[in-house]
N, C-alpha and C. Protein backbone atom coordinates (compact mmCIF):
# COMPACT_ATOMS: atom_id res chain seq x y z
N MET A 1 -28.85 46.06 107.81
CA MET A 1 -30.06 46.67 108.31
C MET A 1 -30.31 47.99 107.57
N LYS A 2 -31.52 48.16 107.09
CA LYS A 2 -31.89 49.36 106.34
C LYS A 2 -31.97 50.56 107.28
N LEU A 3 -31.33 51.64 106.88
CA LEU A 3 -31.33 52.87 107.68
C LEU A 3 -32.61 53.67 107.44
N GLU A 4 -33.09 54.28 108.50
CA GLU A 4 -34.23 55.20 108.40
C GLU A 4 -33.76 56.50 107.76
N GLN A 5 -34.68 57.25 107.16
CA GLN A 5 -34.31 58.48 106.48
C GLN A 5 -33.60 59.46 107.40
N LYS A 6 -34.03 59.59 108.65
CA LYS A 6 -33.37 60.52 109.58
C LYS A 6 -31.92 60.10 109.83
N ASP A 7 -31.67 58.78 109.87
CA ASP A 7 -30.30 58.28 110.05
C ASP A 7 -29.45 58.58 108.82
N VAL A 8 -30.06 58.41 107.64
CA VAL A 8 -29.36 58.73 106.38
C VAL A 8 -28.97 60.20 106.37
N GLU A 9 -29.92 61.06 106.71
CA GLU A 9 -29.66 62.50 106.71
C GLU A 9 -28.55 62.87 107.70
N ASN A 10 -28.54 62.24 108.87
CA ASN A 10 -27.48 62.50 109.86
C ASN A 10 -26.12 62.03 109.36
N LYS A 11 -26.08 60.85 108.74
CA LYS A 11 -24.81 60.31 108.24
C LYS A 11 -24.27 61.15 107.08
N LEU A 12 -25.17 61.72 106.28
CA LEU A 12 -24.74 62.56 105.17
C LEU A 12 -23.97 63.79 105.64
N LEU A 13 -24.24 64.24 106.85
CA LEU A 13 -23.56 65.41 107.39
C LEU A 13 -22.06 65.18 107.55
N SER A 14 -21.66 63.92 107.70
CA SER A 14 -20.23 63.61 107.87
C SER A 14 -19.53 63.36 106.54
N LEU A 15 -20.26 63.44 105.43
CA LEU A 15 -19.68 63.22 104.10
C LEU A 15 -19.65 64.53 103.33
N GLU A 16 -18.70 64.64 102.42
CA GLU A 16 -18.54 65.86 101.64
C GLU A 16 -19.18 65.71 100.26
N ASP A 17 -20.20 66.51 100.00
CA ASP A 17 -20.84 66.62 98.67
C ASP A 17 -21.64 65.40 98.23
N TRP A 18 -21.94 64.47 99.11
CA TRP A 18 -22.81 63.36 98.75
C TRP A 18 -24.25 63.83 98.84
N LYS A 19 -25.08 63.33 97.93
CA LYS A 19 -26.50 63.68 97.90
C LYS A 19 -27.34 62.41 98.08
N PHE A 20 -28.55 62.59 98.59
CA PHE A 20 -29.48 61.49 98.82
C PHE A 20 -30.62 61.57 97.83
N ASN A 21 -30.96 60.44 97.21
CA ASN A 21 -32.13 60.34 96.35
C ASN A 21 -33.14 59.45 97.06
N GLY A 22 -34.17 60.05 97.61
CA GLY A 22 -35.17 59.30 98.37
C GLY A 22 -35.98 58.35 97.51
N GLU A 23 -36.17 58.70 96.25
CA GLU A 23 -36.96 57.85 95.35
C GLU A 23 -36.26 56.53 95.07
N THR A 24 -34.95 56.59 94.85
CA THR A 24 -34.19 55.37 94.53
C THR A 24 -33.47 54.79 95.74
N GLN A 25 -33.56 55.50 96.88
CA GLN A 25 -32.87 55.07 98.11
C GLN A 25 -31.38 54.87 97.87
N THR A 26 -30.76 55.90 97.29
CA THR A 26 -29.33 55.87 96.98
C THR A 26 -28.67 57.15 97.47
N ILE A 27 -27.34 57.09 97.61
CA ILE A 27 -26.54 58.30 97.76
C ILE A 27 -25.61 58.35 96.55
N PHE A 28 -25.25 59.57 96.13
CA PHE A 28 -24.44 59.69 94.92
C PHE A 28 -23.51 60.89 95.01
N LYS A 29 -22.44 60.80 94.22
CA LYS A 29 -21.44 61.86 94.18
C LYS A 29 -20.65 61.77 92.87
N LYS A 30 -20.16 62.91 92.41
CA LYS A 30 -19.30 62.96 91.24
C LYS A 30 -17.91 63.44 91.68
N TYR A 31 -16.91 62.64 91.37
CA TYR A 31 -15.51 62.97 91.66
C TYR A 31 -14.84 63.46 90.38
N THR A 32 -14.02 64.49 90.49
CA THR A 32 -13.27 65.00 89.34
C THR A 32 -11.78 64.92 89.66
N PHE A 33 -11.06 64.23 88.79
CA PHE A 33 -9.62 64.02 88.94
C PHE A 33 -8.86 64.90 87.94
N ASN A 34 -7.54 64.89 88.02
CA ASN A 34 -6.72 65.67 87.10
C ASN A 34 -6.68 65.06 85.70
N ASN A 35 -6.84 63.74 85.62
CA ASN A 35 -6.78 63.07 84.32
C ASN A 35 -7.41 61.68 84.43
N PHE A 36 -7.52 61.02 83.29
CA PHE A 36 -8.13 59.69 83.23
C PHE A 36 -7.36 58.68 84.06
N LYS A 37 -6.03 58.72 83.97
CA LYS A 37 -5.21 57.74 84.68
C LYS A 37 -5.46 57.79 86.19
N SER A 38 -5.51 58.98 86.76
CA SER A 38 -5.78 59.12 88.20
C SER A 38 -7.16 58.57 88.55
N ALA A 39 -8.15 58.87 87.72
CA ALA A 39 -9.51 58.38 87.97
C ALA A 39 -9.53 56.85 87.95
N PHE A 40 -8.87 56.28 86.97
CA PHE A 40 -8.87 54.82 86.83
C PHE A 40 -8.10 54.14 87.95
N LEU A 41 -6.96 54.72 88.34
CA LEU A 41 -6.19 54.16 89.46
C LEU A 41 -6.99 54.21 90.76
N TRP A 42 -7.72 55.31 90.96
CA TRP A 42 -8.58 55.43 92.15
C TRP A 42 -9.66 54.35 92.14
N MET A 43 -10.29 54.14 91.00
CA MET A 43 -11.33 53.11 90.90
C MET A 43 -10.75 51.73 91.21
N THR A 44 -9.56 51.46 90.71
CA THR A 44 -8.91 50.18 90.98
C THR A 44 -8.64 50.03 92.47
N HIS A 45 -8.16 51.08 93.08
CA HIS A 45 -7.89 51.07 94.53
C HIS A 45 -9.18 50.86 95.32
N ILE A 46 -10.24 51.55 94.95
CA ILE A 46 -11.53 51.43 95.65
C ILE A 46 -12.09 50.03 95.47
N SER A 47 -11.88 49.43 94.31
CA SER A 47 -12.43 48.08 94.06
C SER A 47 -11.89 47.05 95.05
N GLU A 48 -10.67 47.24 95.52
CA GLU A 48 -10.10 46.32 96.51
C GLU A 48 -10.86 46.41 97.84
N GLU A 49 -11.17 47.61 98.26
CA GLU A 49 -11.94 47.79 99.50
C GLU A 49 -13.38 47.30 99.32
N ALA A 50 -13.94 47.54 98.15
CA ALA A 50 -15.30 47.07 97.86
C ALA A 50 -15.37 45.54 97.95
N GLU A 51 -14.36 44.88 97.44
CA GLU A 51 -14.30 43.41 97.54
C GLU A 51 -14.18 42.98 99.00
N ARG A 52 -13.33 43.67 99.76
CA ARG A 52 -13.15 43.33 101.17
C ARG A 52 -14.47 43.48 101.93
N LEU A 53 -15.21 44.54 101.62
CA LEU A 53 -16.50 44.79 102.28
C LEU A 53 -17.63 43.95 101.70
N ASN A 54 -17.37 43.34 100.54
CA ASN A 54 -18.42 42.67 99.77
C ASN A 54 -19.58 43.63 99.52
N HIS A 55 -19.21 44.83 99.10
CA HIS A 55 -20.20 45.88 98.83
C HIS A 55 -19.68 46.70 97.65
N HIS A 56 -20.39 46.66 96.55
CA HIS A 56 -19.85 47.17 95.29
C HIS A 56 -20.64 48.38 94.79
N PRO A 57 -19.93 49.41 94.37
CA PRO A 57 -20.59 50.63 93.89
C PRO A 57 -21.12 50.47 92.47
N GLU A 58 -22.09 51.29 92.15
CA GLU A 58 -22.46 51.51 90.75
C GLU A 58 -21.67 52.75 90.38
N TRP A 59 -20.91 52.68 89.29
CA TRP A 59 -20.14 53.86 88.92
C TRP A 59 -19.93 53.94 87.43
N LYS A 60 -19.65 55.18 86.99
CA LYS A 60 -19.43 55.45 85.58
C LYS A 60 -18.22 56.38 85.48
N ASN A 61 -17.28 56.02 84.61
CA ASN A 61 -16.07 56.81 84.42
C ASN A 61 -16.10 57.43 83.03
N ILE A 62 -16.01 58.75 82.97
CA ILE A 62 -15.87 59.47 81.71
C ILE A 62 -14.66 60.39 81.86
N TYR A 63 -13.63 60.06 81.11
CA TYR A 63 -12.34 60.75 81.15
C TYR A 63 -11.86 60.95 82.58
N ASN A 64 -11.92 62.17 83.11
CA ASN A 64 -11.36 62.42 84.44
C ASN A 64 -12.42 62.48 85.54
N THR A 65 -13.64 62.03 85.25
CA THR A 65 -14.69 62.04 86.26
C THR A 65 -15.19 60.62 86.54
N VAL A 66 -15.62 60.43 87.78
CA VAL A 66 -16.25 59.17 88.18
C VAL A 66 -17.52 59.54 88.93
N GLU A 67 -18.65 59.06 88.42
CA GLU A 67 -19.93 59.24 89.09
C GLU A 67 -20.24 57.96 89.86
N VAL A 68 -20.51 58.10 91.16
CA VAL A 68 -20.72 56.96 92.04
C VAL A 68 -22.13 56.99 92.60
N VAL A 69 -22.77 55.82 92.61
CA VAL A 69 -24.07 55.64 93.25
C VAL A 69 -23.94 54.47 94.21
N LEU A 70 -24.36 54.67 95.45
CA LEU A 70 -24.30 53.61 96.45
C LEU A 70 -25.69 53.30 96.99
N THR A 71 -25.96 52.02 97.15
CA THR A 71 -27.17 51.52 97.79
C THR A 71 -26.90 50.08 98.18
N THR A 72 -27.75 49.52 99.01
CA THR A 72 -27.63 48.12 99.39
C THR A 72 -28.80 47.39 98.76
N HIS A 73 -28.54 46.70 97.66
CA HIS A 73 -29.61 46.08 96.87
C HIS A 73 -30.41 45.05 97.65
N ASP A 74 -29.75 44.29 98.53
CA ASP A 74 -30.43 43.22 99.29
C ASP A 74 -31.60 43.75 100.11
N ILE A 75 -31.47 44.99 100.59
CA ILE A 75 -32.50 45.55 101.48
C ILE A 75 -33.29 46.67 100.82
N LEU A 76 -33.00 46.92 99.55
CA LEU A 76 -33.68 47.98 98.79
C LEU A 76 -33.59 49.34 99.49
N GLY A 77 -32.40 49.64 99.97
CA GLY A 77 -32.20 50.91 100.66
C GLY A 77 -30.75 51.08 101.05
N LEU A 78 -30.53 51.99 101.97
CA LEU A 78 -29.17 52.31 102.42
C LEU A 78 -28.85 51.63 103.74
N SER A 79 -27.60 51.17 103.84
CA SER A 79 -27.12 50.53 105.07
C SER A 79 -25.83 51.22 105.50
N ASN A 80 -25.31 50.83 106.64
CA ASN A 80 -24.03 51.37 107.11
C ASN A 80 -22.92 51.12 106.11
N LYS A 81 -22.98 50.01 105.37
CA LYS A 81 -21.93 49.70 104.39
C LYS A 81 -21.81 50.80 103.34
N ASP A 82 -22.93 51.39 102.96
CA ASP A 82 -22.89 52.47 101.96
C ASP A 82 -22.09 53.65 102.48
N PHE A 83 -22.28 53.97 103.74
CA PHE A 83 -21.58 55.12 104.32
C PHE A 83 -20.13 54.80 104.65
N ILE A 84 -19.84 53.57 104.99
CA ILE A 84 -18.45 53.15 105.20
C ILE A 84 -17.67 53.28 103.89
N LEU A 85 -18.27 52.79 102.80
CA LEU A 85 -17.60 52.87 101.50
C LEU A 85 -17.49 54.32 101.02
N ALA A 86 -18.53 55.11 101.22
CA ALA A 86 -18.48 56.53 100.81
C ALA A 86 -17.38 57.27 101.55
N LEU A 87 -17.26 57.04 102.83
CA LEU A 87 -16.21 57.70 103.63
C LEU A 87 -14.82 57.27 103.16
N PHE A 88 -14.67 55.98 102.86
CA PHE A 88 -13.39 55.48 102.34
C PHE A 88 -13.08 56.13 100.99
N MET A 89 -14.07 56.24 100.11
CA MET A 89 -13.86 56.87 98.81
C MET A 89 -13.39 58.31 98.97
N ASP A 90 -14.04 59.05 99.85
CA ASP A 90 -13.66 60.44 100.07
C ASP A 90 -12.23 60.55 100.59
N LYS A 91 -11.90 59.71 101.56
CA LYS A 91 -10.56 59.74 102.16
C LYS A 91 -9.49 59.42 101.11
N GLU A 92 -9.73 58.41 100.31
CA GLU A 92 -8.74 57.97 99.32
C GLU A 92 -8.66 58.91 98.12
N PHE A 93 -9.74 59.60 97.82
CA PHE A 93 -9.78 60.53 96.68
C PHE A 93 -8.62 61.53 96.75
N LYS A 94 -8.37 62.06 97.92
CA LYS A 94 -7.33 63.08 98.09
C LYS A 94 -5.94 62.56 97.71
N LYS A 95 -5.74 61.26 97.82
CA LYS A 95 -4.44 60.65 97.50
C LYS A 95 -4.20 60.55 95.99
N PHE A 96 -5.26 60.70 95.20
CA PHE A 96 -5.14 60.49 93.75
C PHE A 96 -5.26 61.79 92.96
N LEU A 97 -5.13 62.91 93.63
CA LEU A 97 -5.18 64.20 92.93
C LEU A 97 -3.80 64.62 92.46
C-alpha cells in the first residue's frame, strides 16, 4: 500500500539521516564505512534480508561508501517495506564499522 506524504514524513523521524525526494517518491541515504571490504560485506548481508523481504534497494558502491535509494516500484511510491528495510540497514550498519 502506497504511503501518504504525511505518513512518509512521520516514518522518516524514526530513521537517521534518510531524506525524502517527493519528485521521485524515494528515500535515500549515503553510508560511509572504514574501507571497501566493510562496505561490501554490509551490502552482502543486506542482500539476504532484501531477498527475504522480496524488496531490493537501488544502490551504488564507491570504495568505502554506499548510496542507497529505496522505493516500491509496483506502486510508484513508498511503502512500509521501504521503511522496514531502511531501519534494518541502519541497525546493521553499526555492526560493520
